[in-house]
Amino acid sequence: PPLPDDAESILVIAGDLCVIGDAYLRRLQEILSDACD
């Protein structure tokens, strides 16, 4: 869930976010873009 201080925080994704296969690249792009935002 988004928190007010996310912009001043580091997010660590410690593995098994998603299979990095062709069928899942769009959702990876969406999730990582949201995380970087």
PDB file of all heavy atoms in Angstrom:
ATOM      1  N   PRO A   1       0.827  -1.214   0.000  1.00  0.00           N
ATOM      2  CA  PRO A   1       0.000   0.000   0.000  1.00  0.00           C
ATOM      3  C   PRO A   1       0.861   1.264   0.000  1.00  0.00           C
ATOM      4  O   PRO A   1       1.868   1.337   0.712  1.00  0.00           O
ATOM      5  CB  PRO A   1      -0.794  -0.123   1.307  1.00  0.00           C
ATOM      6  CG  PRO A   1      -0.746  -1.572   1.664  1.00  0.00           C
ATOM      7  CD  PRO A   1       0.573  -2.060   1.170  1.00  0.00           C
ATOM      8  N   PRO A   2       0.492   2.256  -0.794  1.00  0.00           N
ATOM      9  CA  PRO A   2       1.227   3.530  -0.785  1.00  0.00           C
ATOM     10  C   PRO A   2       1.197   4.177   0.597  1.00  0.00           C
ATOM     11  O   PRO A   2       0.168   4.164   1.280  1.00  0.00           O
ATOM     12  CB  PRO A   2       0.467   4.375  -1.814  1.00  0.00           C
ATOM     13  CG  PRO A   2      -0.196   3.383  -2.721  1.00  0.00           C
ATOM     14  CD  PRO A   2      -0.569   2.232  -1.829  1.00  0.00           C
ATOM     15  N   LEU A   3       2.337   4.746   0.999  1.00  0.00           N
ATOM     16  CA  LEU A   3       2.442   5.467   2.262  1.00  0.00           C
ATOM     17  C   LEU A   3       2.909   6.893   1.989  1.00  0.00           C
ATOM     18  O   LEU A   3       3.567   7.151   0.974  1.00  0.00           O
ATOM     19  CB  LEU A   3       3.435   4.764   3.197  1.00  0.00           C
ATOM     20  CG  LEU A   3       3.072   3.350   3.657  1.00  0.00           C
ATOM     21  CD1 LEU A   3       4.174   2.787   4.544  1.00  0.00           C
ATOM     22  CD2 LEU A   3       1.742   3.344   4.400  1.00  0.00           C
ATOM     23  N   PRO A   4       2.613   7.817   2.873  1.00  0.00           N
ATOM     24  CA  PRO A   4       2.959   9.221   2.629  1.00  0.00           C
ATOM     25  C   PRO A   4       4.454   9.477   2.427  1.00  0.00           C
ATOM     26  O   PRO A   4       4.833  10.404   1.696  1.00  0.00           O
ATOM     27  CB  PRO A   4       2.445   9.926   3.896  1.00  0.00           C
ATOM     28  CG  PRO A   4       1.386   9.035   4.425  1.00  0.00           C
ATOM     29  CD  PRO A   4       1.821   7.647   4.096  1.00  0.00           C
ATOM     30  N   ASP A   5       5.309   8.679   3.074  1.00  0.00           N
ATOM     31  CA  ASP A   5       6.746   8.942   2.979  1.00  0.00           C
ATOM     32  C   ASP A   5       7.457   8.031   1.980  1.00  0.00           C
ATOM     33  O   ASP A   5       8.683   7.885   2.021  1.00  0.00           O
ATOM     34  CB  ASP A   5       7.410   8.821   4.352  1.00  0.00           C
ATOM     35  CG  ASP A   5       7.087   7.520   5.060  1.00  0.00           C
ATOM     36  OD1 ASP A   5       6.374   6.674   4.462  1.00  0.00           O
ATOM     37  OD2 ASP A   5       7.530   7.340   6.207  1.00  0.00           O
ATOM     38  N   ASP A   6       6.728   7.407   1.051  1.00  0.00           N
ATOM     39  CA  ASP A   6       7.367   6.544   0.055  1.00  0.00           C
ATOM     40  C   ASP A   6       8.396   7.298  -0.782  1.00  0.00           C
ATOM     41  O   ASP A   6       9.438   6.740  -1.163  1.00  0.00           O
ATOM     42  CB  ASP A   6       6.316   5.931  -0.881  1.00  0.00           C
ATOM     43  CG  ASP A   6       5.608   4.723  -0.261  1.00  0.00           C
ATOM     44  OD1 ASP A   6       6.085   4.228   0.776  1.00  0.00           O
ATOM     45  OD2 ASP A   6       4.590   4.283  -0.825  1.00  0.00           O
ATOM     46  N   ALA A   7       8.135   8.566  -1.064  1.00  0.00           N
ATOM     47  CA  ALA A   7       9.049   9.344  -1.909  1.00  0.00           C
ATOM     48  C   ALA A   7      10.417   9.530  -1.255  1.00  0.00           C
ATOM     49  O   ALA A   7      11.397   9.833  -1.941  1.00  0.00           O
ATOM     50  CB  ALA A   7       8.434  10.703  -2.239  1.00  0.00           C
ATOM     51  N   GLU A   8      10.482   9.332   0.054  1.00  0.00           N
ATOM     52  CA  GLU A   8      11.745   9.463   0.779  1.00  0.00           C
ATOM     53  C   GLU A   8      12.264   8.104   1.240  1.00  0.00           C
ATOM     54  O   GLU A   8      13.136   8.024   2.105  1.00  0.00           O
ATOM     55  CB  GLU A   8      11.546  10.383   1.981  1.00  0.00           C
ATOM     56  CG  GLU A   8      11.071  11.785   1.591  1.00  0.00           C
ATOM     57  CD  GLU A   8      10.692  12.628   2.787  1.00  0.00           C
ATOM     58  OE1 GLU A   8      10.719  12.097   3.913  1.00  0.00           O
ATOM     59  OE2 GLU A   8      10.362  13.811   2.582  1.00  0.00           O
ATOM     60  N   SER A   9      11.722   7.033   0.667  1.00  0.00           N
ATOM     61  CA  SER A   9      12.070   5.673   1.092  1.00  0.00           C
ATOM     62  C   SER A   9      12.707   4.888  -0.046  1.00  0.00           C
ATOM     63  O   SER A   9      12.530   5.215  -1.230  1.00  0.00           O
ATOM     64  CB  SER A   9      10.811   4.939   1.575  1.00  0.00           C
ATOM     65  OG  SER A   9      10.179   5.631   2.630  1.00  0.00           O
ATOM     66  N   ILE A  10      13.430   3.838   0.325  1.00  0.00           N
ATOM     67  CA  ILE A  10      13.982   2.880  -0.626  1.00  0.00           C
ATOM     68  C   ILE A  10      13.125   1.626  -0.595  1.00  0.00           C
ATOM     69  O   ILE A  10      12.806   1.116   0.480  1.00  0.00           O
ATOM     70  CB  ILE A  10      15.440   2.530  -0.281  1.00  0.00           C
ATOM     71  CG1 ILE A  10      16.339   3.755  -0.469  1.00  0.00           C
ATOM     72  CG2 ILE A  10      15.951   1.372  -1.142  1.00  0.00           C
ATOM     73  CD1 ILE A  10      17.781   3.518  -0.046  1.00  0.00           C
ATOM     74  N   LEU A  11      12.751   1.147  -1.769  1.00  0.00           N
ATOM     75  CA  LEU A  11      12.015  -0.116  -1.853  1.00  0.00           C
ATOM     76  C   LEU A  11      12.984  -1.228  -2.221  1.00  0.00           C
ATOM     77  O   LEU A  11      13.720  -1.133  -3.209  1.00  0.00           O
ATOM     78  CB  LEU A  11      10.913  -0.039  -2.913  1.00  0.00           C
ATOM     79  CG  LEU A  11      10.186  -1.363  -3.204  1.00  0.00           C
ATOM     80  CD1 LEU A  11       9.448  -1.869  -1.968  1.00  0.00           C
ATOM     81  CD2 LEU A  11       9.238  -1.219  -4.387  1.00  0.00           C
ATOM     82  N   VAL A  12      12.976  -2.289  -1.421  1.00  0.00           N
ATOM     83  CA  VAL A  12      13.765  -3.486  -1.721  1.00  0.00           C
ATOM     84  C   VAL A  12      12.806  -4.591  -2.152  1.00  0.00           C
ATOM     85  O   VAL A  12      11.918  -4.976  -1.387  1.00  0.00           O
ATOM     86  CB  VAL A  12      14.581  -3.944  -0.498  1.00  0.00           C
ATOM     87  CG1 VAL A  12      15.297  -5.261  -0.810  1.00  0.00           C
ATOM     88  CG2 VAL A  12      15.582  -2.873  -0.092  1.00  0.00           C
ATOM     89  N   ILE A  13      12.968  -5.073  -3.375  1.00  0.00           N
ATOM     90  CA  ILE A  13      12.202  -6.217  -3.865  1.00  0.00           C
ATOM     91  C   ILE A  13      13.147  -7.415  -3.816  1.00  0.00           C
ATOM     92  O   ILE A  13      14.051  -7.546  -4.632  1.00  0.00           O
ATOM     93  CB  ILE A  13      11.693  -5.980  -5.298  1.00  0.00           C
ATOM     94  CG1 ILE A  13      10.880  -4.690  -5.369  1.00  0.00           C
ATOM     95  CG2 ILE A  13      10.860  -7.177  -5.766  1.00  0.00           C
ATOM     96  CD1 ILE A  13      10.478  -4.289  -6.780  1.00  0.00           C
ATOM     97  N   ALA A  14      12.942  -8.283  -2.829  1.00  0.00           N
ATOM     98  CA  ALA A  14      13.919  -9.338  -2.543  1.00  0.00           C
ATOM     99  C   ALA A  14      13.575 -10.655  -3.235  1.00  0.00           C
ATOM    100  O   ALA A  14      13.615 -11.725  -2.638  1.00  0.00           O
ATOM    101  CB  ALA A  14      14.047  -9.543  -1.039  1.00  0.00           C
ATOM    102  N   GLY A  15      13.239 -10.571  -4.512  1.00  0.00           N
ATOM    103  CA  GLY A  15      13.111 -11.782  -5.315  1.00  0.00           C
ATOM    104  C   GLY A  15      11.706 -12.311  -5.480  1.00  0.00           C
ATOM    105  O   GLY A  15      10.785 -12.018  -4.713  1.00  0.00           O
ATOM    106  N   ASP A  16      11.544 -13.123  -6.539  1.00  0.00           N
ATOM    107  CA  ASP A  16      10.272 -13.760  -6.893  1.00  0.00           C
ATOM    108  C   ASP A  16       9.158 -12.735  -7.078  1.00  0.00           C
ATOM    109  O   ASP A  16       8.011 -12.948  -6.660  1.00  0.00           O
ATOM    110  CB  ASP A  16       9.866 -14.807  -5.851  1.00  0.00           C
ATOM    111  CG  ASP A  16      10.708 -16.074  -5.955  1.00  0.00           C
ATOM    112  OD1 ASP A  16      11.626 -16.118  -6.801  1.00  0.00           O
ATOM    113  OD2 ASP A  16      10.452 -17.023  -5.199  1.00  0.00           O
ATOM    114  N   LEU A  17       9.487 -11.625  -7.724  1.00  0.00           N
ATOM    115  CA  LEU A  17       8.458 -10.655  -8.097  1.00  0.00           C
ATOM    116  C   LEU A  17       7.589 -11.230  -9.205  1.00  0.00           C
ATOM    117  O   LEU A  17       6.361 -11.170  -9.138  1.00  0.00           O
ATOM    118  CB  LEU A  17       9.099  -9.350  -8.564  1.00  0.00           C
ATOM    119  CG  LEU A  17       8.148  -8.281  -9.108  1.00  0.00           C
ATOM    120  CD1 LEU A  17       7.185  -7.820  -8.016  1.00  0.00           C
ATOM    121  CD2 LEU A  17       8.938  -7.094  -9.665  1.00  0.00           C
ATOM    122  N   CYS A  18       8.239 -11.829 -10.220  1.00  0.00           N
ATOM    123  CA  CYS A  18       7.508 -12.380 -11.352  1.00  0.00           C
ATOM    124  C   CYS A  18       8.466 -13.146 -12.246  1.00  0.00           C
ATOM    125  O   CYS A  18       9.661 -12.830 -12.299  1.00  0.00           O
ATOM    126  CB  CYS A  18       6.863 -11.246 -12.156  1.00  0.00           C
ATOM    127  SG  CYS A  18       5.739 -11.798 -13.461  1.00  0.00           S
ATOM    128  N   VAL A  19       7.970 -14.147 -12.915  1.00  0.00           N
ATOM    129  CA  VAL A  19       8.750 -14.795 -13.962  1.00  0.00           C
ATOM    130  C   VAL A  19       9.062 -13.748 -15.028  1.00  0.00           C
ATOM    131  O   VAL A  19       8.172 -13.015 -15.469  1.00  0.00           O
ATOM    132  CB  VAL A  19       7.956 -15.967 -14.592  1.00  0.00           C
ATOM    133  CG1 VAL A  19       8.684 -16.508 -15.817  1.00  0.00           C
ATOM    134  CG2 VAL A  19       7.750 -17.070 -13.567  1.00  0.00           C
ATOM    135  N   ILE A  20      10.315 -13.663 -15.435  1.00  0.00           N
ATOM    136  CA  ILE A  20      10.692 -12.675 -16.450  1.00  0.00           C
ATOM    137  C   ILE A  20      10.610 -13.340 -17.823  1.00  0.00           C
ATOM    138  O   ILE A  20      11.613 -13.611 -18.483  1.00  0.00           O
ATOM    139  CB  ILE A  20      12.087 -12.085 -16.168  1.00  0.00           C
ATOM    140  CG1 ILE A  20      12.126 -11.499 -14.755  1.00  0.00           C
ATOM    141  CG2 ILE A  20      12.426 -10.993 -17.185  1.00  0.00           C
ATOM    142  CD1 ILE A  20      13.465 -10.911 -14.349  1.00  0.00           C
ATOM    143  N   GLY A  21       9.385 -13.652 -18.223  1.00  0.00           N
ATOM    144  CA  GLY A  21       9.109 -14.265 -19.518  1.00  0.00           C
ATOM    145  C   GLY A  21       8.290 -13.329 -20.372  1.00  0.00           C
ATOM    146  O   GLY A  21       7.694 -12.361 -19.880  1.00  0.00           O
ATOM    147  N   ASP A  22       8.228 -13.603 -21.653  1.00  0.00           N
ATOM    148  CA  ASP A  22       7.546 -12.707 -22.582  1.00  0.00           C
ATOM    149  C   ASP A  22       6.101 -12.419 -22.172  1.00  0.00           C
ATOM    150  O   ASP A  22       5.610 -11.312 -22.362  1.00  0.00           O
ATOM    151  CB  ASP A  22       7.571 -13.305 -23.995  1.00  0.00           C
ATOM    152  CG  ASP A  22       8.967 -13.328 -24.592  1.00  0.00           C
ATOM    153  OD1 ASP A  22       9.840 -12.581 -24.080  1.00  0.00           O
ATOM    154  OD2 ASP A  22       9.206 -14.090 -25.548  1.00  0.00           O
ATOM    155  N   ALA A  23       5.420 -13.413 -21.606  1.00  0.00           N
ATOM    156  CA  ALA A  23       4.010 -13.250 -21.247  1.00  0.00           C
ATOM    157  C   ALA A  23       3.810 -12.268 -20.097  1.00  0.00           C
ATOM    158  O   ALA A  23       2.684 -11.793 -19.878  1.00  0.00           O
ATOM    159  CB  ALA A  23       3.401 -14.600 -20.878  1.00  0.00           C
ATOM    160  N   TYR A  24       4.879 -11.955 -19.363  1.00  0.00           N
ATOM    161  CA  TYR A  24       4.739 -11.147 -18.155  1.00  0.00           C
ATOM    162  C   TYR A  24       5.497  -9.833 -18.222  1.00  0.00           C
ATOM    163  O   TYR A  24       5.520  -9.091 -17.234  1.00  0.00           O
ATOM    164  CB  TYR A  24       5.229 -11.944 -16.944  1.00  0.00           C
ATOM    165  CG  TYR A  24       4.620 -13.317 -16.848  1.00  0.00           C
ATOM    166  CD1 TYR A  24       5.391 -14.455 -17.057  1.00  0.00           C
ATOM    167  CD2 TYR A  24       3.265 -13.478 -16.584  1.00  0.00           C
ATOM    168  CE1 TYR A  24       4.833 -15.720 -16.990  1.00  0.00           C
ATOM    169  CE2 TYR A  24       2.690 -14.735 -16.511  1.00  0.00           C
ATOM    170  CZ  TYR A  24       3.483 -15.852 -16.720  1.00  0.00           C
ATOM    171  OH  TYR A  24       2.921 -17.105 -16.657  1.00  0.00           O
ATOM    172  N   LEU A  25       6.100  -9.514 -19.355  1.00  0.00           N
ATOM    173  CA  LEU A  25       6.933  -8.315 -19.422  1.00  0.00           C
ATOM    174  C   LEU A  25       6.113  -7.039 -19.251  1.00  0.00           C
ATOM    175  O   LEU A  25       6.573  -6.073 -18.639  1.00  0.00           O
ATOM    176  CB  LEU A  25       7.702  -8.280 -20.746  1.00  0.00           C
ATOM    177  CG  LEU A  25       8.784  -9.366 -20.901  1.00  0.00           C
ATOM    178  CD1 LEU A  25       9.482  -9.223 -22.243  1.00  0.00           C
ATOM    179  CD2 LEU A  25       9.795  -9.308 -19.758  1.00  0.00           C
ATOM    180  N   ARG A  26       4.871  -7.027 -19.770  1.00  0.00           N
ATOM    181  CA  ARG A  26       4.053  -5.823 -19.642  1.00  0.00           C
ATOM    182  C   ARG A  26       3.725  -5.539 -18.184  1.00  0.00           C
ATOM    183  O   ARG A  26       3.814  -4.392 -17.727  1.00  0.00           O
ATOM    184  CB  ARG A  26       2.763  -5.953 -20.453  1.00  0.00           C
ATOM    185  CG  ARG A  26       1.984  -4.634 -20.512  1.00  0.00           C
ATOM    186  CD  ARG A  26       0.787  -4.722 -21.434  1.00  0.00           C
ATOM    187  NE  ARG A  26      -0.333  -5.379 -20.782  1.00  0.00           N
ATOM    188  CZ  ARG A  26      -1.563  -5.422 -21.301  1.00  0.00           C
ATOM    189  NH1 ARG A  26      -1.805  -4.898 -22.480  1.00  0.00           N
ATOM    190  NH2 ARG A  26      -2.549  -6.030 -20.647  1.00  0.00           N
ATOM    191  N   ARG A  27       3.363  -6.575 -17.438  1.00  0.00           N
ATOM    192  CA  ARG A  27       3.033  -6.335 -16.028  1.00  0.00           C
ATOM    193  C   ARG A  27       4.280  -5.974 -15.223  1.00  0.00           C
ATOM    194  O   ARG A  27       4.194  -5.176 -14.280  1.00  0.00           O
ATOM    195  CB  ARG A  27       2.284  -7.523 -15.426  1.00  0.00           C
ATOM    196  CG  ARG A  27       3.034  -8.817 -15.323  1.00  0.00           C
ATOM    197  CD  ARG A  27       2.158  -9.937 -14.769  1.00  0.00           C
ATOM    198  NE  ARG A  27       1.045 -10.271 -15.659  1.00  0.00           N
ATOM    199  CZ  ARG A  27       0.187 -11.268 -15.416  1.00  0.00           C
ATOM    200  NH1 ARG A  27       0.304 -11.999 -14.319  1.00  0.00           N
ATOM    201  NH2 ARG A  27      -0.779 -11.533 -16.266  1.00  0.00           N
ATOM    202  N   LEU A  28       5.437  -6.503 -15.594  1.00  0.00           N
ATOM    203  CA  LEU A  28       6.681  -6.097 -14.929  1.00  0.00           C
ATOM    204  C   LEU A  28       6.974  -4.626 -15.187  1.00  0.00           C
ATOM    205  O   LEU A  28       7.372  -3.888 -14.272  1.00  0.00           O
ATOM    206  CB  LEU A  28       7.840  -6.961 -15.420  1.00  0.00           C
ATOM    207  CG  LEU A  28       8.069  -8.276 -14.699  1.00  0.00           C
ATOM    208  CD1 LEU A  28       9.013  -9.168 -15.504  1.00  0.00           C
ATOM    209  CD2 LEU A  28       8.628  -8.045 -13.306  1.00  0.00           C
ATOM    210  N   GLN A  29       6.796  -4.192 -16.433  1.00  0.00           N
ATOM    211  CA  GLN A  29       6.990  -2.790 -16.773  1.00  0.00           C
ATOM    212  C   GLN A  29       6.056  -1.900 -15.942  1.00  0.00           C
ATOM    213  O   GLN A  29       6.477  -0.862 -15.403  1.00  0.00           O
ATOM    214  CB  GLN A  29       6.745  -2.573 -18.267  1.00  0.00           C
ATOM    215  CG  GLN A  29       6.710  -1.126 -18.727  1.00  0.00           C
ATOM    216  CD  GLN A  29       8.047  -0.417 -18.662  1.00  0.00           C
ATOM    217  OE1 GLN A  29       9.097  -1.048 -18.723  1.00  0.00           O
ATOM    218  NE2 GLN A  29       8.018   0.906 -18.519  1.00  0.00           N
ATOM    219  N   GLU A  30       4.816  -2.305 -15.801  1.00  0.00           N
ATOM    220  CA  GLU A  30       3.832  -1.509 -15.052  1.00  0.00           C
ATOM    221  C   GLU A  30       4.186  -1.429 -13.571  1.00  0.00           C
ATOM    222  O   GLU A  30       4.145  -0.347 -12.959  1.00  0.00           O
ATOM    223  CB  GLU A  30       2.442  -2.118 -15.234  1.00  0.00           C
ATOM    224  CG  GLU A  30       1.894  -1.971 -16.648  1.00  0.00           C
ATOM    225  CD  GLU A  30       0.754  -2.931 -16.934  1.00  0.00           C
ATOM    226  OE1 GLU A  30       0.418  -3.744 -16.042  1.00  0.00           O
ATOM    227  OE2 GLU A  30       0.206  -2.872 -18.044  1.00  0.00           O
ATOM    228  N   ILE A  31       4.542  -2.568 -12.995  1.00  0.00           N
ATOM    229  CA  ILE A  31       4.830  -2.602 -11.559  1.00  0.00           C
ATOM    230  C   ILE A  31       6.118  -1.842 -11.238  1.00  0.00           C
ATOM    231  O   ILE A  31       6.168  -1.046 -10.285  1.00  0.00           O
ATOM    232  CB  ILE A  31       4.937  -4.063 -11.070  1.00  0.00           C
ATOM    233  CG1 ILE A  31       3.585  -4.755 -11.159  1.00  0.00           C
ATOM    234  CG2 ILE A  31       5.489  -4.124  -9.654  1.00  0.00           C
ATOM    235  CD1 ILE A  31       2.479  -4.069 -10.403  1.00  0.00           C
ATOM    236  N   LEU A  32       7.157  -2.062 -12.006  1.00  0.00           N
ATOM    237  CA  LEU A  32       8.422  -1.383 -11.735  1.00  0.00           C
ATOM    238  C   LEU A  32       8.320   0.109 -12.017  1.00  0.00           C
ATOM    239  O   LEU A  32       8.963   0.919 -11.338  1.00  0.00           O
ATOM    240  CB  LEU A  32       9.541  -2.017 -12.554  1.00  0.00           C
ATOM    241  CG  LEU A  32       9.902  -3.455 -12.146  1.00  0.00           C
ATOM    242  CD1 LEU A  32      10.909  -4.057 -13.119  1.00  0.00           C
ATOM    243  CD2 LEU A  32      10.455  -3.496 -10.719  1.00  0.00           C
ATOM    244  N   SER A  33       7.519   0.494 -12.998  1.00  0.00           N
ATOM    245  CA  SER A  33       7.292   1.920 -13.262  1.00  0.00           C
ATOM    246  C   SER A  33       6.579   2.568 -12.079  1.00  0.00           C
ATOM    247  O   SER A  33       6.938   3.670 -11.641  1.00  0.00           O
ATOM    248  CB  SER A  33       6.469   2.106 -14.536  1.00  0.00           C
ATOM    249  OG  SER A  33       7.188   1.674 -15.670  1.00  0.00           O
ATOM    250  N   ASP A  34       5.563   1.883 -11.552  1.00  0.00           N
ATOM    251  CA  ASP A  34       4.854   2.405 -10.382  1.00  0.00           C
ATOM    252  C   ASP A  34       5.809   2.522  -9.195  1.00  0.00           C
ATOM    253  O   ASP A  34       5.777   3.526  -8.469  1.00  0.00           O
ATOM    254  CB  ASP A  34       3.693   1.474 -10.027  1.00  0.00           C
ATOM    255  CG  ASP A  34       2.943   1.933  -8.794  1.00  0.00           C
ATOM    256  OD1 ASP A  34       2.102   2.842  -8.915  1.00  0.00           O
ATOM    257  OD2 ASP A  34       3.214   1.392  -7.691  1.00  0.00           O
ATOM    258  N   ALA A  35       6.658   1.516  -9.003  1.00  0.00           N
ATOM    259  CA  ALA A  35       7.603   1.547  -7.884  1.00  0.00           C
ATOM    260  C   ALA A  35       8.572   2.719  -8.022  1.00  0.00           C
ATOM    261  O   ALA A  35       8.852   3.429  -7.043  1.00  0.00           O
ATOM    262  CB  ALA A  35       8.369   0.225  -7.818  1.00  0.00           C
ATOM    263  N   CYS A  36       9.069   2.949  -9.225  1.00  0.00           N
ATOM    264  CA  CYS A  36      10.019   4.050  -9.434  1.00  0.00           C
ATOM    265  C   CYS A  36       9.344   5.406  -9.289  1.00  0.00           C
ATOM    266  O   CYS A  36       9.973   6.381  -8.865  1.00  0.00           O
ATOM    267  CB  CYS A  36      10.679   3.921 -10.799  1.00  0.00           C
ATOM    268  SG  CYS A  36      11.860   2.546 -10.919  1.00  0.00           S
ATOM    269  N   ASP A  37       8.066   5.492  -9.630  1.00  0.00           N
ATOM    270  CA  ASP A  37       7.319   6.736  -9.435  1.00  0.00           C
ATOM    271  C   ASP A  37       7.121   7.028  -7.957  1.00  0.00           C
ATOM    272  O   ASP A  37       7.117   8.203  -7.542  1.00  0.00           O
ATOM    273  CB  ASP A  37       5.946   6.656 -10.118  1.00  0.00           C
ATOM    274  CG  ASP A  37       6.030   6.741 -11.627  1.00  0.00           C
ATOM    275  OD1 ASP A  37       7.081   7.176 -12.142  1.00  0.00           O
ATOM    276  OD2 ASP A  37       5.052   6.343 -12.292  1.00  0.00           O
TER     277      ASP A  37
END
